[in-house]
Amino acid sequence: DPRGLYTCKTGSESTFTLQVHYRMCRNCIEVDVPTISGIVVADVVATIFLAVAVYCITGQDKGRMSRASDRQNLIANEQLYQ
Protein backbone atom coordinates (compact mmCIF):
# COMPACT_ATOMS: atom_id res chain seq x y z
CA ASP A 1 0.00 0.00 0.00
CA PRO A 2 1.79 3.18 -1.15
CA ARG A 3 -0.35 5.53 0.97
CA GLY A 4 1.32 7.32 3.79
CA LEU A 5 3.62 10.10 4.87
CA TYR A 6 7.06 10.14 3.22
CA THR A 7 10.02 12.14 4.43
CA CYS A 8 13.08 13.10 2.42
CA LYS A 9 16.21 14.12 4.33
CA THR A 10 19.00 15.88 2.50
CA GLY A 11 22.63 16.24 3.46
CA SER A 12 22.14 19.82 4.65
CA GLU A 13 19.75 18.58 7.31
CA SER A 14 16.62 19.98 5.68
CA THR A 15 13.65 17.64 5.49
CA PHE A 16 10.78 17.53 3.05
CA THR A 17 7.55 15.77 3.85
CA LEU A 18 5.14 14.36 1.26
CA GLN A 19 1.78 12.85 2.03
CA VAL A 20 0.54 10.33 -0.58
CA HIS A 21 -3.13 9.45 -1.05
CA TYR A 22 -3.51 6.61 -3.52
CA ARG A 23 -6.66 4.74 -4.44
CA MET A 24 -6.00 1.24 -5.69
CA CYS A 25 -8.41 -0.55 -8.00
CA ARG A 26 -8.22 -4.31 -7.79
CA ASN A 27 -10.78 -5.17 -10.49
CA CYS A 28 -9.80 -2.52 -13.03
CA ILE A 29 -8.69 -3.27 -16.57
CA GLU A 30 -6.61 -1.03 -18.76
CA VAL A 31 -8.41 0.20 -21.85
CA ASP A 32 -6.13 1.27 -24.67
CA VAL A 33 -6.83 2.76 -28.11
CA PRO A 34 -7.11 -0.58 -30.03
CA THR A 35 -9.63 -1.88 -27.50
CA ILE A 36 -11.79 1.23 -27.73
CA SER A 37 -11.64 1.25 -31.54
CA GLY A 38 -12.58 -2.45 -31.60
CA ILE A 39 -15.61 -1.78 -29.43
CA VAL A 40 -16.70 1.13 -31.64
CA VAL A 41 -16.29 -0.89 -34.86
CA ALA A 42 -18.20 -3.84 -33.38
CA ASP A 43 -21.00 -1.49 -32.29
CA VAL A 44 -21.27 0.06 -35.77
CA VAL A 45 -21.30 -3.37 -37.47
CA ALA A 46 -23.97 -4.65 -35.06
CA THR A 47 -26.11 -1.54 -35.66
CA ILE A 48 -25.86 -1.92 -39.45
CA PHE A 49 -26.68 -5.64 -39.19
CA LEU A 50 -29.74 -4.88 -37.06
CA ALA A 51 -30.91 -2.15 -39.46
CA VAL A 52 -30.60 -4.50 -42.47
CA ALA A 53 -32.46 -7.26 -40.59
CA VAL A 54 -35.32 -4.90 -39.69
CA TYR A 55 -35.47 -3.64 -43.29
CA CYS A 56 -35.62 -7.18 -44.67
CA ILE A 57 -38.29 -8.30 -42.20
CA THR A 58 -40.52 -5.29 -42.82
CA GLY A 59 -40.03 -5.61 -46.58
CA GLN A 60 -41.45 -9.14 -46.54
CA ASP A 61 -44.72 -7.98 -44.96
CA LYS A 62 -45.60 -5.89 -48.03
CA GLY A 63 -45.93 -8.98 -50.24
CA ARG A 64 -48.40 -10.61 -47.88
CA MET A 65 -50.92 -7.78 -47.90
CA SER A 66 -53.86 -8.21 -50.21
CA ARG A 67 -55.10 -5.68 -52.71
CA ALA A 68 -58.46 -5.50 -50.98
CA SER A 69 -56.93 -3.64 -48.07
CA ASP A 70 -55.99 -0.76 -50.39
CA ARG A 71 -59.61 -0.04 -51.27
CA GLN A 72 -61.57 2.43 -49.24
CA ASN A 73 -65.05 1.57 -48.04
CA LEU A 74 -67.16 4.56 -49.00
CA ILE A 75 -70.51 5.36 -47.46
CA ALA A 76 -73.42 5.70 -49.85
CA ASN A 77 -74.95 9.15 -50.16
CA GLU A 78 -78.17 8.09 -48.46
CA GLN A 79 -76.47 6.94 -45.28
CA LEU A 80 -75.36 9.37 -42.64
CA TYR A 81 -72.00 9.02 -41.04
CA GLN A 82 -72.46 8.35 -37.36
PDB file of N, CA and C in Angstrom:
ATOM      1  N   ASP A   1       0.850  -1.175   0.000  1.00  0.00           N
ATOM      2  CA  ASP A   1       0.000   0.000   0.000  1.00  0.00           C
ATOM      3  C   ASP A   1       0.895   1.236   0.000  1.00  0.00           C
ATOM      4  N   PRO A   2       0.896   2.026  -1.061  1.00  0.00           N
ATOM      5  CA  PRO A   2       1.791   3.177  -1.152  1.00  0.00           C
ATOM      6  C   PRO A   2       1.301   4.412  -0.403  1.00  0.00           C
ATOM      7  N   ARG A   3       0.150   4.364   0.244  1.00  0.00           N
ATOM      8  CA  ARG A   3      -0.347   5.532   0.969  1.00  0.00           C
ATOM      9  C   ARG A   3       0.475   5.766   2.223  1.00  0.00           C
ATOM     10  N   GLY A   4       0.612   7.021   2.560  1.00  0.00           N
ATOM     11  CA  GLY A   4       1.323   7.319   3.791  1.00  0.00           C
ATOM     12  C   GLY A   4       2.037   8.653   3.742  1.00  0.00           C
ATOM     13  N   LEU A   5       2.857   8.867   4.730  1.00  0.00           N
ATOM     14  CA  LEU A   5       3.617  10.095   4.871  1.00  0.00           C
ATOM     15  C   LEU A   5       5.080   9.775   4.612  1.00  0.00           C
ATOM     16  N   TYR A   6       5.677  10.391   3.604  1.00  0.00           N
ATOM     17  CA  TYR A   6       7.058  10.137   3.221  1.00  0.00           C
ATOM     18  C   TYR A   6       7.910  11.353   3.579  1.00  0.00           C
ATOM     19  N   THR A   7       9.097  11.074   4.041  1.00  0.00           N
ATOM     20  CA  THR A   7      10.017  12.140   4.425  1.00  0.00           C
ATOM     21  C   THR A   7      11.320  11.977   3.657  1.00  0.00           C
ATOM     22  N   CYS A   8      11.820  13.097   3.152  1.00  0.00           N
ATOM     23  CA  CYS A   8      13.083  13.098   2.424  1.00  0.00           C
ATOM     24  C   CYS A   8      14.068  13.976   3.202  1.00  0.00           C
ATOM     25  N   LYS A   9      15.191  13.378   3.601  1.00  0.00           N
ATOM     26  CA  LYS A   9      16.215  14.120   4.328  1.00  0.00           C
ATOM     27  C   LYS A   9      17.404  14.335   3.406  1.00  0.00           C
ATOM     28  N   THR A  10      17.851  15.562   3.334  1.00  0.00           N
ATOM     29  CA  THR A  10      19.004  15.882   2.501  1.00  0.00           C
ATOM     30  C   THR A  10      20.242  16.003   3.374  1.00  0.00           C
ATOM     31  N   GLY A  11      21.372  16.139   2.731  1.00  0.00           N
ATOM     32  CA  GLY A  11      22.627  16.237   3.463  1.00  0.00           C
ATOM     33  C   GLY A  11      22.742  17.508   4.281  1.00  0.00           C
ATOM     34  N   SER A  12      22.055  18.563   3.906  1.00  0.00           N
ATOM     35  CA  SER A  12      22.140  19.824   4.648  1.00  0.00           C
ATOM     36  C   SER A  12      21.120  19.885   5.776  1.00  0.00           C
ATOM     37  N   GLU A  13      20.652  18.755   6.183  1.00  0.00           N
ATOM     38  CA  GLU A  13      19.749  18.577   7.309  1.00  0.00           C
ATOM     39  C   GLU A  13      18.398  19.266   7.137  1.00  0.00           C
ATOM     40  N   SER A  14      17.984  19.484   5.917  1.00  0.00           N
ATOM     41  CA  SER A  14      16.621  19.975   5.681  1.00  0.00           C
ATOM     42  C   SER A  14      15.760  18.764   5.303  1.00  0.00           C
ATOM     43  N   THR A  15      14.549  18.765   5.753  1.00  0.00           N
ATOM     44  CA  THR A  15      13.651  17.635   5.486  1.00  0.00           C
ATOM     45  C   THR A  15      12.425  18.117   4.708  1.00  0.00           C
ATOM     46  N   PHE A  16      11.981  17.265   3.832  1.00  0.00           N
ATOM     47  CA  PHE A  16      10.784  17.526   3.050  1.00  0.00           C
ATOM     48  C   PHE A  16       9.795  16.398   3.320  1.00  0.00           C
ATOM     49  N   THR A  17       8.569  16.760   3.542  1.00  0.00           N
ATOM     50  CA  THR A  17       7.546  15.767   3.849  1.00  0.00           C
ATOM     51  C   THR A  17       6.520  15.746   2.722  1.00  0.00           C
ATOM     52  N   LEU A  18       6.122  14.549   2.332  1.00  0.00           N
ATOM     53  CA  LEU A  18       5.138  14.362   1.259  1.00  0.00           C
ATOM     54  C   LEU A  18       4.095  13.360   1.732  1.00  0.00           C
ATOM     55  N   GLN A  19       2.853  13.756   1.667  1.00  0.00           N
ATOM     56  CA  GLN A  19       1.779  12.849   2.033  1.00  0.00           C
ATOM     57  C   GLN A  19       1.139  12.318   0.745  1.00  0.00           C
ATOM     58  N   VAL A  20       1.052  10.980   0.631  1.00  0.00           N
ATOM     59  CA  VAL A  20       0.543  10.333  -0.575  1.00  0.00           C
ATOM     60  C   VAL A  20      -0.818   9.700  -0.275  1.00  0.00           C
ATOM     61  N   HIS A  21      -1.802  10.085  -1.076  1.00  0.00           N
ATOM     62  CA  HIS A  21      -3.130   9.453  -1.048  1.00  0.00           C
ATOM     63  C   HIS A  21      -3.277   8.709  -2.367  1.00  0.00           C
ATOM     64  N   TYR A  22      -3.472   7.421  -2.311  1.00  0.00           N
ATOM     65  CA  TYR A  22      -3.510   6.606  -3.522  1.00  0.00           C
ATOM     66  C   TYR A  22      -4.684   5.646  -3.421  1.00  0.00           C
ATOM     67  N   ARG A  23      -5.524   5.643  -4.421  1.00  0.00           N
ATOM     68  CA  ARG A  23      -6.663   4.738  -4.440  1.00  0.00           C
ATOM     69  C   ARG A  23      -6.338   3.595  -5.395  1.00  0.00           C
ATOM     70  N   MET A  24      -6.329   2.398  -4.877  1.00  0.00           N
ATOM     71  CA  MET A  24      -5.996   1.235  -5.691  1.00  0.00           C
ATOM     72  C   MET A  24      -7.286   0.581  -6.180  1.00  0.00           C
ATOM     73  N   CYS A  25      -7.273   0.140  -7.408  1.00  0.00           N
ATOM     74  CA  CYS A  25      -8.410  -0.547  -8.004  1.00  0.00           C
ATOM     75  C   CYS A  25      -7.992  -1.978  -8.296  1.00  0.00           C
ATOM     76  N   ARG A  26      -8.626  -2.916  -7.644  1.00  0.00           N
ATOM     77  CA  ARG A  26      -8.219  -4.312  -7.793  1.00  0.00           C
ATOM     78  C   ARG A  26      -8.890  -4.996  -8.972  1.00  0.00           C
ATOM     79  N   ASN A  27     -10.057  -4.529  -9.396  1.00  0.00           N
ATOM     80  CA  ASN A  27     -10.781  -5.171 -10.489  1.00  0.00           C
ATOM     81  C   ASN A  27     -10.774  -4.336 -11.761  1.00  0.00           C
ATOM     82  N   CYS A  28      -9.859  -3.397 -11.867  1.00  0.00           N
ATOM     83  CA  CYS A  28      -9.805  -2.518 -13.029  1.00  0.00           C
ATOM     84  C   CYS A  28      -9.035  -3.186 -14.167  1.00  0.00           C
ATOM     85  N   ILE A  29      -9.434  -2.828 -15.402  1.00  0.00           N
ATOM     86  CA  ILE A  29      -8.689  -3.271 -16.573  1.00  0.00           C
ATOM     87  C   ILE A  29      -8.229  -2.029 -17.319  1.00  0.00           C
ATOM     88  N   GLU A  30      -7.140  -2.158 -18.009  1.00  0.00           N
ATOM     89  CA  GLU A  30      -6.610  -1.028 -18.760  1.00  0.00           C
ATOM     90  C   GLU A  30      -7.223  -1.040 -20.153  1.00  0.00           C
ATOM     91  N   VAL A  31      -7.785   0.076 -20.544  1.00  0.00           N
ATOM     92  CA  VAL A  31      -8.405   0.197 -21.854  1.00  0.00           C
ATOM     93  C   VAL A  31      -7.508   1.085 -22.701  1.00  0.00           C
ATOM     94  N   ASP A  32      -7.000   0.509 -23.784  1.00  0.00           N
ATOM     95  CA  ASP A  32      -6.132   1.273 -24.667  1.00  0.00           C
ATOM     96  C   ASP A  32      -6.868   1.603 -25.968  1.00  0.00           C
ATOM     97  N   VAL A  33      -6.208   2.286 -26.876  1.00  0.00           N
ATOM     98  CA  VAL A  33      -6.834   2.760 -28.113  1.00  0.00           C
ATOM     99  C   VAL A  33      -7.327   1.602 -28.991  1.00  0.00           C
ATOM    100  N   PRO A  34      -6.567   0.514 -29.198  1.00  0.00           N
ATOM    101  CA  PRO A  34      -7.108  -0.576 -30.027  1.00  0.00           C
ATOM    102  C   PRO A  34      -8.361  -1.225 -29.436  1.00  0.00           C
ATOM    103  N   THR A  35      -8.444  -1.298 -28.121  1.00  0.00           N
ATOM    104  CA  THR A  35      -9.633  -1.879 -27.499  1.00  0.00           C
ATOM    105  C   THR A  35     -10.846  -0.989 -27.720  1.00  0.00           C
ATOM    106  N   ILE A  36     -10.684   0.297 -27.528  1.00  0.00           N
ATOM    107  CA  ILE A  36     -11.792   1.231 -27.733  1.00  0.00           C
ATOM    108  C   ILE A  36     -12.228   1.232 -29.194  1.00  0.00           C
ATOM    109  N   SER A  37     -11.276   1.246 -30.129  1.00  0.00           N
ATOM    110  CA  SER A  37     -11.641   1.246 -31.545  1.00  0.00           C
ATOM    111  C   SER A  37     -12.324  -0.064 -31.925  1.00  0.00           C
ATOM    112  N   GLY A  38     -11.914  -1.176 -31.341  1.00  0.00           N
ATOM    113  CA  GLY A  38     -12.584  -2.449 -31.604  1.00  0.00           C
ATOM    114  C   GLY A  38     -14.017  -2.446 -31.117  1.00  0.00           C
ATOM    115  N   ILE A  39     -14.249  -1.874 -29.959  1.00  0.00           N
ATOM    116  CA  ILE A  39     -15.611  -1.777 -29.426  1.00  0.00           C
ATOM    117  C   ILE A  39     -16.478  -0.899 -30.323  1.00  0.00           C
ATOM    118  N   VAL A  40     -15.932   0.226 -30.781  1.00  0.00           N
ATOM    119  CA  VAL A  40     -16.698   1.135 -31.639  1.00  0.00           C
ATOM    120  C   VAL A  40     -17.024   0.466 -32.968  1.00  0.00           C
ATOM    121  N   VAL A  41     -16.049  -0.207 -33.581  1.00  0.00           N
ATOM    122  CA  VAL A  41     -16.287  -0.887 -34.865  1.00  0.00           C
ATOM    123  C   VAL A  41     -17.326  -1.997 -34.694  1.00  0.00           C
ATOM    124  N   ALA A  42     -17.231  -2.776 -33.628  1.00  0.00           N
ATOM    125  CA  ALA A  42     -18.204  -3.839 -33.381  1.00  0.00           C
ATOM    126  C   ALA A  42     -19.599  -3.259 -33.181  1.00  0.00           C
ATOM    127  N   ASP A  43     -19.706  -2.126 -32.508  1.00  0.00           N
ATOM    128  CA  ASP A  43     -21.002  -1.489 -32.291  1.00  0.00           C
ATOM    129  C   ASP A  43     -21.598  -1.009 -33.612  1.00  0.00           C
ATOM    130  N   VAL A  44     -20.781  -0.416 -34.472  1.00  0.00           N
ATOM    131  CA  VAL A  44     -21.271   0.061 -35.768  1.00  0.00           C
ATOM    132  C   VAL A  44     -21.720  -1.112 -36.638  1.00  0.00           C
ATOM    133  N   VAL A  45     -20.939  -2.189 -36.668  1.00  0.00           N
ATOM    134  CA  VAL A  45     -21.301  -3.365 -37.466  1.00  0.00           C
ATOM    135  C   VAL A  45     -22.604  -3.981 -36.945  1.00  0.00           C
ATOM    136  N   ALA A  46     -22.749  -4.084 -35.633  1.00  0.00           N
ATOM    137  CA  ALA A  46     -23.975  -4.647 -35.063  1.00  0.00           C
ATOM    138  C   ALA A  46     -25.180  -3.767 -35.377  1.00  0.00           C
ATOM    139  N   THR A  47     -25.013  -2.458 -35.345  1.00  0.00           N
ATOM    140  CA  THR A  47     -26.107  -1.545 -35.662  1.00  0.00           C
ATOM    141  C   THR A  47     -26.517  -1.672 -37.125  1.00  0.00           C
ATOM    142  N   ILE A  48     -25.557  -1.756 -38.027  1.00  0.00           N
ATOM    143  CA  ILE A  48     -25.864  -1.925 -39.453  1.00  0.00           C
ATOM    144  C   ILE A  48     -26.555  -3.262 -39.689  1.00  0.00           C
ATOM    145  N   PHE A  49     -26.065  -4.322 -39.056  1.00  0.00           N
ATOM    146  CA  PHE A  49     -26.676  -5.638 -39.193  1.00  0.00           C
ATOM    147  C   PHE A  49     -28.120  -5.620 -38.714  1.00  0.00           C
ATOM    148  N   LEU A  50     -28.378  -4.982 -37.594  1.00  0.00           N
ATOM    149  CA  LEU A  50     -29.735  -4.879 -37.057  1.00  0.00           C
ATOM    150  C   LEU A  50     -30.638  -4.067 -37.983  1.00  0.00           C
ATOM    151  N   ALA A  51     -30.120  -2.980 -38.545  1.00  0.00           N
ATOM    152  CA  ALA A  51     -30.913  -2.154 -39.457  1.00  0.00           C
ATOM    153  C   ALA A  51     -31.270  -2.931 -40.721  1.00  0.00           C
ATOM    154  N   VAL A  52     -30.331  -3.692 -41.276  1.00  0.00           N
ATOM    155  CA  VAL A  52     -30.604  -4.499 -42.470  1.00  0.00           C
ATOM    156  C   VAL A  52     -31.621  -5.591 -42.146  1.00  0.00           C
ATOM    157  N   ALA A  53     -31.506  -6.221 -40.978  1.00  0.00           N
ATOM    158  CA  ALA A  53     -32.459  -7.262 -40.587  1.00  0.00           C
ATOM    159  C   ALA A  53     -33.864  -6.694 -40.455  1.00  0.00           C
ATOM    160  N   VAL A  54     -34.002  -5.532 -39.830  1.00  0.00           N
ATOM    161  CA  VAL A  54     -35.322  -4.904 -39.686  1.00  0.00           C
ATOM    162  C   VAL A  54     -35.873  -4.518 -41.051  1.00  0.00           C
ATOM    163  N   TYR A  55     -35.032  -4.014 -41.939  1.00  0.00           N
ATOM    164  CA  TYR A  55     -35.470  -3.639 -43.285  1.00  0.00           C
ATOM    165  C   TYR A  55     -35.949  -4.861 -44.060  1.00  0.00           C
ATOM    166  N   CYS A  56     -35.231  -5.963 -43.961  1.00  0.00           N
ATOM    167  CA  CYS A  56     -35.619  -7.183 -44.672  1.00  0.00           C
ATOM    168  C   CYS A  56     -36.914  -7.766 -44.115  1.00  0.00           C
ATOM    169  N   ILE A  57     -37.079  -7.745 -42.812  1.00  0.00           N
ATOM    170  CA  ILE A  57     -38.286  -8.300 -42.200  1.00  0.00           C
ATOM    171  C   ILE A  57     -39.505  -7.454 -42.546  1.00  0.00           C
ATOM    172  N   THR A  58     -39.378  -6.146 -42.501  1.00  0.00           N
ATOM    173  CA  THR A  58     -40.523  -5.293 -42.825  1.00  0.00           C
ATOM    174  C   THR A  58     -40.805  -5.297 -44.316  1.00  0.00           C
ATOM    175  N   GLY A  59     -39.816  -5.535 -45.140  1.00  0.00           N
ATOM    176  CA  GLY A  59     -40.026  -5.613 -46.583  1.00  0.00           C
ATOM    177  C   GLY A  59     -40.807  -6.844 -46.980  1.00  0.00           C
ATOM    178  N   GLN A  60     -40.726  -7.920 -46.227  1.00  0.00           N
ATOM    179  CA  GLN A  60     -41.452  -9.138 -46.545  1.00  0.00           C
ATOM    180  C   GLN A  60     -42.938  -9.000 -46.236  1.00  0.00           C
ATOM    181  N   ASP A  61     -43.316  -8.159 -45.307  1.00  0.00           N
ATOM    182  CA  ASP A  61     -44.720  -7.983 -44.962  1.00  0.00           C
ATOM    183  C   ASP A  61     -45.513  -7.334 -46.092  1.00  0.00           C
ATOM    184  N   LYS A  62     -44.890  -6.563 -46.946  1.00  0.00           N
ATOM    185  CA  LYS A  62     -45.595  -5.886 -48.033  1.00  0.00           C
ATOM    186  C   LYS A  62     -46.138  -6.891 -49.043  1.00  0.00           C
ATOM    187  N   GLY A  63     -45.472  -7.975 -49.292  1.00  0.00           N
ATOM    188  CA  GLY A  63     -45.932  -8.975 -50.244  1.00  0.00           C
ATOM    189  C   GLY A  63     -47.111  -9.769 -49.737  1.00  0.00           C
ATOM    190  N   ARG A  64     -47.316  -9.839 -48.459  1.00  0.00           N
ATOM    191  CA  ARG A  64     -48.403 -10.614 -47.879  1.00  0.00           C
ATOM    192  C   ARG A  64     -49.724  -9.859 -47.850  1.00  0.00           C
ATOM    193  N   MET A  65     -49.690  -8.563 -47.977  1.00  0.00           N
ATOM    194  CA  MET A  65     -50.916  -7.775 -47.904  1.00  0.00           C
ATOM    195  C   MET A  65     -51.720  -7.954 -49.185  1.00  0.00           C
ATOM    196  N   SER A  66     -53.009  -8.031 -49.039  1.00  0.00           N
ATOM    197  CA  SER A  66     -53.864  -8.210 -50.206  1.00  0.00           C
ATOM    198  C   SER A  66     -54.236  -6.856 -50.791  1.00  0.00           C
ATOM    199  N   ARG A  67     -54.694  -6.909 -52.030  1.00  0.00           N
ATOM    200  CA  ARG A  67     -55.099  -5.683 -52.709  1.00  0.00           C
ATOM    201  C   ARG A  67     -56.392  -5.122 -52.126  1.00  0.00           C
ATOM    202  N   ALA A  68     -57.185  -5.958 -51.523  1.00  0.00           N
ATOM    203  CA  ALA A  68     -58.465  -5.503 -50.979  1.00  0.00           C
ATOM    204  C   ALA A  68     -58.263  -4.500 -49.849  1.00  0.00           C
ATOM    205  N   SER A  69     -57.158  -4.568 -49.162  1.00  0.00           N
ATOM    206  CA  SER A  69     -56.930  -3.638 -48.066  1.00  0.00           C
ATOM    207  C   SER A  69     -56.625  -2.234 -48.556  1.00  0.00           C
ATOM    208  N   ASP A  70     -56.276  -2.085 -49.850  1.00  0.00           N
ATOM    209  CA  ASP A  70     -55.986  -0.758 -50.387  1.00  0.00           C
ATOM    210  C   ASP A  70     -57.250   0.009 -50.749  1.00  0.00           C
ATOM    211  N   ARG A  71     -58.364  -0.688 -50.892  1.00  0.00           N
ATOM    212  CA  ARG A  71     -59.608  -0.039 -51.269  1.00  0.00           C
ATOM    213  C   ARG A  71     -60.245   0.635 -50.061  1.00  0.00           C
ATOM    214  N   GLN A  72     -60.881   1.734 -50.321  1.00  0.00           N
ATOM    215  CA  GLN A  72     -61.575   2.429 -49.244  1.00  0.00           C
ATOM    216  C   GLN A  72     -63.053   2.054 -49.281  1.00  0.00           C
ATOM    217  N   ASN A  73     -63.618   1.821 -48.127  1.00  0.00           N
ATOM    218  CA  ASN A  73     -65.053   1.565 -48.042  1.00  0.00           C
ATOM    219  C   ASN A  73     -65.756   2.906 -47.923  1.00  0.00           C
ATOM    220  N   LEU A  74     -66.467   3.274 -48.972  1.00  0.00           N
ATOM    221  CA  LEU A  74     -67.156   4.555 -48.997  1.00  0.00           C
ATOM    222  C   LEU A  74     -68.596   4.375 -48.546  1.00  0.00           C
ATOM    223  N   ILE A  75     -69.126   5.381 -47.917  1.00  0.00           N
ATOM    224  CA  ILE A  75     -70.505   5.363 -47.456  1.00  0.00           C
ATOM    225  C   ILE A  75     -71.381   5.903 -48.587  1.00  0.00           C
ATOM    226  N   ALA A  76     -72.489   5.230 -48.819  1.00  0.00           N
ATOM    227  CA  ALA A  76     -73.422   5.704 -49.849  1.00  0.00           C
ATOM    228  C   ALA A  76     -73.998   7.059 -49.437  1.00  0.00           C
ATOM    229  N   ASN A  77     -74.448   7.809 -50.424  1.00  0.00           N
ATOM    230  CA  ASN A  77     -74.951   9.153 -50.161  1.00  0.00           C
ATOM    231  C   ASN A  77     -76.160   9.163 -49.256  1.00  0.00           C
ATOM    232  N   GLU A  78     -76.959   8.110 -49.260  1.00  0.00           N
ATOM    233  CA  GLU A  78     -78.173   8.090 -48.457  1.00  0.00           C
ATOM    234  C   GLU A  78     -77.869   7.879 -46.981  1.00  0.00           C
ATOM    235  N   GLN A  79     -76.781   7.240 -46.672  1.00  0.00           N
ATOM    236  CA  GLN A  79     -76.475   6.939 -45.284  1.00  0.00           C
ATOM    237  C   GLN A  79     -75.727   8.103 -44.625  1.00  0.00           C
ATOM    238  N   LEU A  80     -76.043   8.322 -43.380  1.00  0.00           N
ATOM    239  CA  LEU A  80     -75.355   9.374 -42.644  1.00  0.00           C
ATOM    240  C   LEU A  80     -74.187   8.758 -41.868  1.00  0.00           C
ATOM    241  N   TYR A  81     -73.154   9.486 -41.802  1.00  0.00           N
ATOM    242  CA  TYR A  81     -71.996   9.025 -41.042  1.00  0.00           C
ATOM    243  C   TYR A  81     -72.276   9.259 -39.573  1.00  0.00           C
ATOM    244  N   GLN A  82     -72.179   8.214 -38.785  1.00  0.00           N
ATOM    245  CA  GLN A  82     -72.461   8.350 -37.355  1.00  0.00           C
ATOM    246  C   GLN A  82     -71.176   8.247 -36.565  1.00  0.00           C
TER     247      GLN A  82
END
